[in-house]
N, C-alpha and C. Protein backbone atom coordinates (compact mmCIF):
# COMPACT_ATOMS: atom_id res chain seq x y z
N MET A 1 0.85 -1.24 -0.01
CA MET A 1 0.08 -0.20 -0.03
C MET A 1 0.86 1.07 0.03
N ASP A 2 0.34 2.38 -0.59
CA ASP A 2 1.06 3.62 -0.98
C ASP A 2 1.34 4.23 0.46
N HIS A 3 2.49 4.24 1.15
CA HIS A 3 2.65 4.85 2.48
C HIS A 3 2.01 6.31 2.65
N ASN A 4 2.10 7.06 1.51
CA ASN A 4 1.40 8.37 1.74
C ASN A 4 0.03 8.38 1.80
N HIS A 5 -0.71 7.14 1.66
CA HIS A 5 -2.07 7.19 1.94
C HIS A 5 -2.65 6.46 2.79
N SER A 6 -3.65 7.10 3.77
CA SER A 6 -3.95 6.13 4.98
C SER A 6 -5.48 5.35 4.67
N ARG A 7 -5.68 4.28 5.14
CA ARG A 7 -6.71 3.29 4.83
C ARG A 7 -8.10 3.89 4.54
N ARG A 8 -8.52 5.30 5.24
CA ARG A 8 -9.37 6.21 4.98
C ARG A 8 -9.46 6.65 3.42
N ASP A 9 -8.19 7.03 3.06
CA ASP A 9 -8.04 7.49 1.49
C ASP A 9 -8.74 6.50 0.30
N LEU A 10 -8.57 5.21 0.60
CA LEU A 10 -8.75 4.27 -0.17
C LEU A 10 -10.20 3.95 -0.41
N ILE A 11 -10.89 3.90 -1.39
CA ILE A 11 -12.32 3.82 -1.73
C ILE A 11 -12.17 2.25 -1.63
N LEU A 12 -11.73 1.39 -2.43
CA LEU A 12 -11.89 0.06 -2.41
C LEU A 12 -10.34 -0.22 -2.61
N MET A 13 -10.23 -1.69 -1.81
CA MET A 13 -8.71 -2.17 -1.97
C MET A 13 -8.87 -4.05 -2.11
N THR A 14 -8.32 -4.56 -2.72
CA THR A 14 -8.12 -5.91 -2.78
C THR A 14 -6.94 -6.58 -3.22
N THR A 15 -6.44 -7.77 -3.22
CA THR A 15 -5.37 -8.52 -3.69
C THR A 15 -5.82 -8.99 -4.85
N VAL A 16 -5.07 -9.12 -5.94
CA VAL A 16 -5.41 -9.81 -7.14
C VAL A 16 -4.06 -10.61 -7.63
N THR A 17 -4.03 -11.62 -8.20
CA THR A 17 -3.21 -12.39 -8.81
C THR A 17 -3.05 -12.30 -10.48
N LEU A 18 -1.65 -12.25 -10.54
CA LEU A 18 -1.30 -12.15 -11.91
C LEU A 18 -1.24 -13.48 -12.76
N SER A 19 -1.99 -13.46 -13.64
CA SER A 19 -1.79 -14.94 -14.41
C SER A 19 -1.52 -14.62 -15.93
N ARG A 20 -1.26 -15.86 -16.40
CA ARG A 20 -0.48 -16.10 -17.86
C ARG A 20 -1.89 -15.75 -18.90
N TRP A 21 -1.60 -14.95 -19.96
CA TRP A 21 -2.63 -14.89 -20.86
C TRP A 21 -1.95 -14.84 -22.29
N GLY A 22 -1.86 -15.90 -22.76
CA GLY A 22 -1.38 -16.03 -23.91
C GLY A 22 0.22 -15.81 -23.64
N ASN A 23 0.81 -15.03 -24.57
CA ASN A 23 2.30 -14.46 -24.38
C ASN A 23 2.32 -13.51 -23.29
N SER A 24 1.29 -12.98 -22.81
CA SER A 24 1.12 -11.70 -21.79
C SER A 24 0.70 -12.27 -20.36
N SER A 25 0.71 -11.29 -19.54
CA SER A 25 0.10 -11.62 -18.27
C SER A 25 -0.91 -10.70 -18.04
N ALA A 26 -1.83 -11.09 -16.98
CA ALA A 26 -2.96 -10.43 -16.78
C ALA A 26 -3.37 -10.39 -15.08
N VAL A 27 -4.38 -9.61 -15.16
CA VAL A 27 -5.03 -9.59 -13.77
C VAL A 27 -6.27 -9.23 -13.65
N ARG A 28 -7.23 -9.76 -12.99
CA ARG A 28 -8.71 -9.94 -13.18
C ARG A 28 -8.95 -8.76 -12.39
N ILE A 29 -10.00 -7.82 -12.87
CA ILE A 29 -10.45 -6.61 -12.16
C ILE A 29 -11.90 -7.23 -11.36
N PRO A 30 -11.89 -7.10 -10.25
CA PRO A 30 -13.08 -7.41 -9.33
C PRO A 30 -14.39 -6.57 -9.80
N ASN A 31 -15.20 -7.25 -9.83
CA ASN A 31 -16.86 -6.78 -10.34
C ASN A 31 -17.10 -5.49 -9.46
N GLN A 32 -16.80 -5.61 -8.23
CA GLN A 32 -17.09 -4.33 -7.47
C GLN A 32 -16.11 -3.24 -7.84
N PHE A 33 -15.00 -3.21 -8.53
CA PHE A 33 -14.30 -1.97 -9.00
C PHE A 33 -15.12 -1.86 -10.38
N MET A 34 -15.38 -2.67 -11.32
CA MET A 34 -16.10 -2.77 -12.45
C MET A 34 -17.29 -1.66 -12.38
N ARG A 35 -18.18 -2.04 -11.18
CA ARG A 35 -19.32 -1.46 -10.89
C ARG A 35 -18.98 0.12 -10.84
N GLN A 36 -18.23 0.12 -9.65
CA GLN A 36 -17.79 1.66 -9.37
C GLN A 36 -17.10 2.33 -10.32
N LEU A 37 -16.54 2.11 -11.35
CA LEU A 37 -16.02 2.96 -12.34
C LEU A 37 -16.78 2.67 -13.62
N ASN A 38 -17.72 1.89 -13.63
CA ASN A 38 -18.57 1.84 -14.77
C ASN A 38 -17.63 1.47 -15.96
N LEU A 39 -16.91 0.35 -15.58
CA LEU A 39 -16.30 -0.58 -16.61
C LEU A 39 -17.06 -1.59 -17.28
N VAL A 40 -16.77 -1.72 -18.60
CA VAL A 40 -17.21 -3.16 -19.42
C VAL A 40 -16.40 -3.64 -19.78
N GLU A 41 -16.44 -4.77 -20.28
CA GLU A 41 -15.65 -5.62 -21.06
C GLU A 41 -15.32 -5.30 -22.37
N GLY A 42 -13.91 -5.15 -22.48
CA GLY A 42 -13.54 -4.69 -23.88
C GLY A 42 -13.41 -3.37 -23.88
N MET A 43 -13.64 -2.51 -22.99
CA MET A 43 -13.33 -1.08 -22.75
C MET A 43 -11.75 -0.85 -22.55
N GLU A 44 -11.16 -0.08 -23.23
CA GLU A 44 -9.61 0.27 -23.32
C GLU A 44 -9.52 1.04 -21.72
N LEU A 45 -8.50 0.52 -21.16
CA LEU A 45 -7.78 1.42 -20.17
C LEU A 45 -6.31 1.69 -20.43
N GLU A 46 -5.84 2.69 -19.73
CA GLU A 46 -4.44 3.15 -19.99
C GLU A 46 -3.68 2.38 -18.58
N ALA A 47 -2.65 1.93 -19.21
CA ALA A 47 -1.82 1.31 -18.10
C ALA A 47 -0.47 2.39 -18.05
N ILE A 48 -0.36 2.94 -16.71
CA ILE A 48 0.61 3.71 -16.45
C ILE A 48 1.75 3.25 -15.34
N LEU A 49 2.70 3.07 -15.69
CA LEU A 49 4.04 3.12 -14.78
C LEU A 49 4.25 4.19 -14.21
N THR A 50 4.27 4.32 -12.84
CA THR A 50 4.38 5.78 -12.25
C THR A 50 6.01 5.81 -11.80
N PRO A 51 6.48 6.95 -11.45
CA PRO A 51 8.01 6.99 -10.96
C PRO A 51 8.19 6.29 -9.58
N GLU A 52 7.25 5.95 -8.99
CA GLU A 52 7.48 5.11 -7.86
C GLU A 52 7.56 3.99 -8.17
N ASN A 53 7.29 3.12 -9.41
CA ASN A 53 7.06 1.82 -9.81
C ASN A 53 5.53 1.22 -9.59
N HIS A 54 4.94 1.98 -9.55
CA HIS A 54 3.54 1.47 -9.14
C HIS A 54 2.57 1.39 -10.66
N ILE A 55 1.93 0.28 -10.71
CA ILE A 55 0.97 0.35 -11.75
C ILE A 55 -0.28 1.10 -12.07
N LEU A 56 -0.68 1.81 -12.59
CA LEU A 56 -1.79 2.43 -12.51
C LEU A 56 -2.83 2.45 -13.78
N LEU A 57 -3.78 1.76 -13.44
CA LEU A 57 -5.07 1.47 -14.35
C LEU A 57 -6.00 2.54 -14.41
N ARG A 58 -6.35 3.09 -15.79
CA ARG A 58 -7.52 4.15 -15.58
C ARG A 58 -8.34 3.78 -16.72
N PRO A 59 -9.60 3.99 -16.91
CA PRO A 59 -10.26 4.00 -18.06
C PRO A 59 -9.53 5.26 -19.02
N LYS A 60 -9.48 4.71 -20.29
CA LYS A 60 -8.76 5.71 -21.26
C LYS A 60 -9.98 6.94 -21.65
N THR A 61 -9.26 7.91 -21.50
CA THR A 61 -10.10 9.28 -21.64
C THR A 61 -10.21 9.51 -23.34
N LYS A 62 -11.37 9.87 -23.57
CA LYS A 62 -11.89 10.31 -25.09
C LYS A 62 -11.17 11.42 -25.43
N LEU A 63 -10.44 11.44 -26.44
CA LEU A 63 -9.87 12.66 -26.89
C LEU A 63 -10.39 13.42 -28.22
N GLN A 64 -10.62 14.88 -27.75
CA GLN A 64 -11.40 15.59 -29.08
C GLN A 64 -10.47 15.26 -30.25
N GLU A 65 -11.52 14.56 -30.98
CA GLU A 65 -10.89 13.88 -32.15
C GLU A 65 -10.86 14.78 -33.47
N THR A 66 -12.08 15.40 -33.81
CA THR A 66 -12.14 16.32 -34.85
C THR A 66 -11.88 17.87 -34.79
N ASN A 67 -11.72 18.39 -35.88
CA ASN A 67 -11.40 19.74 -35.92
C ASN A 67 -12.52 20.56 -35.55
N GLU A 68 -13.72 19.97 -35.75
CA GLU A 68 -15.14 20.62 -35.18
C GLU A 68 -15.06 20.82 -33.93
N GLU A 69 -14.87 19.73 -32.99
CA GLU A 69 -14.90 19.48 -31.59
C GLU A 69 -13.83 20.60 -31.17
N LEU A 70 -12.57 20.86 -31.57
CA LEU A 70 -11.83 21.55 -31.27
C LEU A 70 -12.35 23.13 -31.17
N ARG A 71 -13.01 23.27 -32.50
CA ARG A 71 -13.32 24.64 -32.90
C ARG A 71 -14.22 25.18 -31.92
N VAL A 72 -15.10 24.21 -31.84
CA VAL A 72 -16.52 24.46 -30.49
C VAL A 72 -15.80 24.73 -29.22
N HIS A 73 -14.87 23.83 -28.75
CA HIS A 73 -14.26 24.13 -27.55
C HIS A 73 -13.36 25.41 -27.39
N LEU A 74 -12.80 25.97 -28.52
CA LEU A 74 -12.03 27.08 -28.47
C LEU A 74 -13.02 28.27 -28.38
N GLN A 75 -14.31 27.92 -29.02
CA GLN A 75 -15.14 29.15 -29.04
C GLN A 75 -15.77 29.26 -27.85
N MET A 76 -15.66 28.28 -27.06
CA MET A 76 -16.49 28.29 -25.56
C MET A 76 -15.44 28.96 -24.84
N LEU A 77 -14.13 28.98 -24.88
CA LEU A 77 -13.27 29.28 -24.21
C LEU A 77 -13.10 30.81 -24.36
N LEU A 78 -13.10 31.05 -25.71
CA LEU A 78 -12.83 32.37 -26.32
C LEU A 78 -14.08 33.42 -25.67
N SER A 79 -15.45 32.55 -25.62
CA SER A 79 -16.59 33.58 -24.93
C SER A 79 -16.40 33.76 -23.92
N LYS A 80 -15.62 33.14 -23.05
CA LYS A 80 -15.29 33.56 -21.38
C LYS A 80 -14.29 34.61 -21.48
N ILE A 81 -13.80 35.09 -22.43
CA ILE A 81 -13.18 36.33 -22.54
C ILE A 81 -13.69 37.68 -22.61
N LYS A 82 -14.01 38.59 -21.53
CA LYS A 82 -14.77 39.73 -21.39
C LYS A 82 -13.77 41.02 -22.08
N PRO A 83 -14.34 41.73 -22.74
CA PRO A 83 -13.86 43.14 -23.34
C PRO A 83 -12.80 43.80 -22.35
N ASP A 84 -13.36 43.72 -21.02
CA ASP A 84 -12.58 44.55 -20.20
C ASP A 84 -11.52 43.71 -19.24
N SER A 85 -11.20 42.67 -19.77
CA SER A 85 -10.42 41.60 -18.63
C SER A 85 -9.04 42.19 -19.11
N GLU A 86 -8.10 41.91 -18.15
CA GLU A 86 -6.84 42.47 -17.99
C GLU A 86 -6.10 41.68 -19.10
N ARG A 87 -5.21 42.24 -19.95
CA ARG A 87 -4.34 41.50 -20.96
C ARG A 87 -2.68 41.87 -20.59
N HIS A 88 -2.16 40.97 -20.96
CA HIS A 88 -0.56 41.06 -20.82
C HIS A 88 0.03 41.46 -22.18
N GLU A 89 0.93 42.39 -21.74
CA GLU A 89 1.52 43.14 -22.98
C GLU A 89 1.98 41.69 -23.77
N GLU A 90 2.33 42.31 -25.23
CA GLU A 90 2.65 41.41 -26.27
C GLU A 90 4.23 40.86 -25.73
N ILE A 91 4.49 39.55 -26.32
CA ILE A 91 5.95 39.36 -25.75
C ILE A 91 6.64 38.90 -27.14
N ASP A 92 7.72 39.40 -27.14
CA ASP A 92 8.55 39.10 -28.69
C ASP A 92 9.61 37.95 -28.21
N LEU A 93 9.40 36.67 -28.78
CA LEU A 93 10.16 35.58 -28.52
C LEU A 93 11.03 35.41 -29.63
N GLY A 94 11.19 36.26 -30.43
CA GLY A 94 12.35 36.28 -31.59
C GLY A 94 12.01 35.14 -32.62
N ILE A 95 12.93 34.82 -33.21
CA ILE A 95 12.39 33.74 -34.35
C ILE A 95 13.74 32.81 -34.52
N GLU A 96 13.17 31.58 -34.37
CA GLU A 96 14.23 30.56 -34.13
C GLU A 96 13.74 29.39 -35.39
N GLY A 97 14.89 29.11 -36.12
CA GLY A 97 14.88 28.26 -37.26
C GLY A 97 14.61 28.96 -38.45
N ASP A 98 13.65 28.60 -39.54
CA ASP A 98 13.47 29.03 -40.61
C ASP A 98 11.79 29.55 -40.59
N GLU A 99 11.04 30.03 -39.52
CA GLU A 99 9.91 30.45 -39.49
C GLU A 99 9.66 31.60 -40.16
N ARG A 100 8.76 31.90 -41.00
CA ARG A 100 8.26 33.37 -41.68
C ARG A 100 6.98 33.85 -40.78
N ILE A 101 7.30 35.10 -40.69
CA ILE A 101 5.93 35.69 -40.02
C ILE A 101 5.36 36.40 -41.31
């Protein structure tokens, strides 16, 4: 258990066994975890190795896949800028490489 967390910080905890699955290894995720996270078989999970050498599994987040979704998101962000909002001065970062302005 992570020593930075007390038992009160944990919602669910159990022990699982590493098993052989073809040429890979696998763990079974308990049904209680599946229900709590609304996971279904076939759903993609991200497997992350943390700097502390812990394995973190989490549902894969949906990326904004289309330019239209990005445009809508940008418009929503820009709509929050008010005409009287403070603005910083323009910053000249110079030119690097072969960029043309």
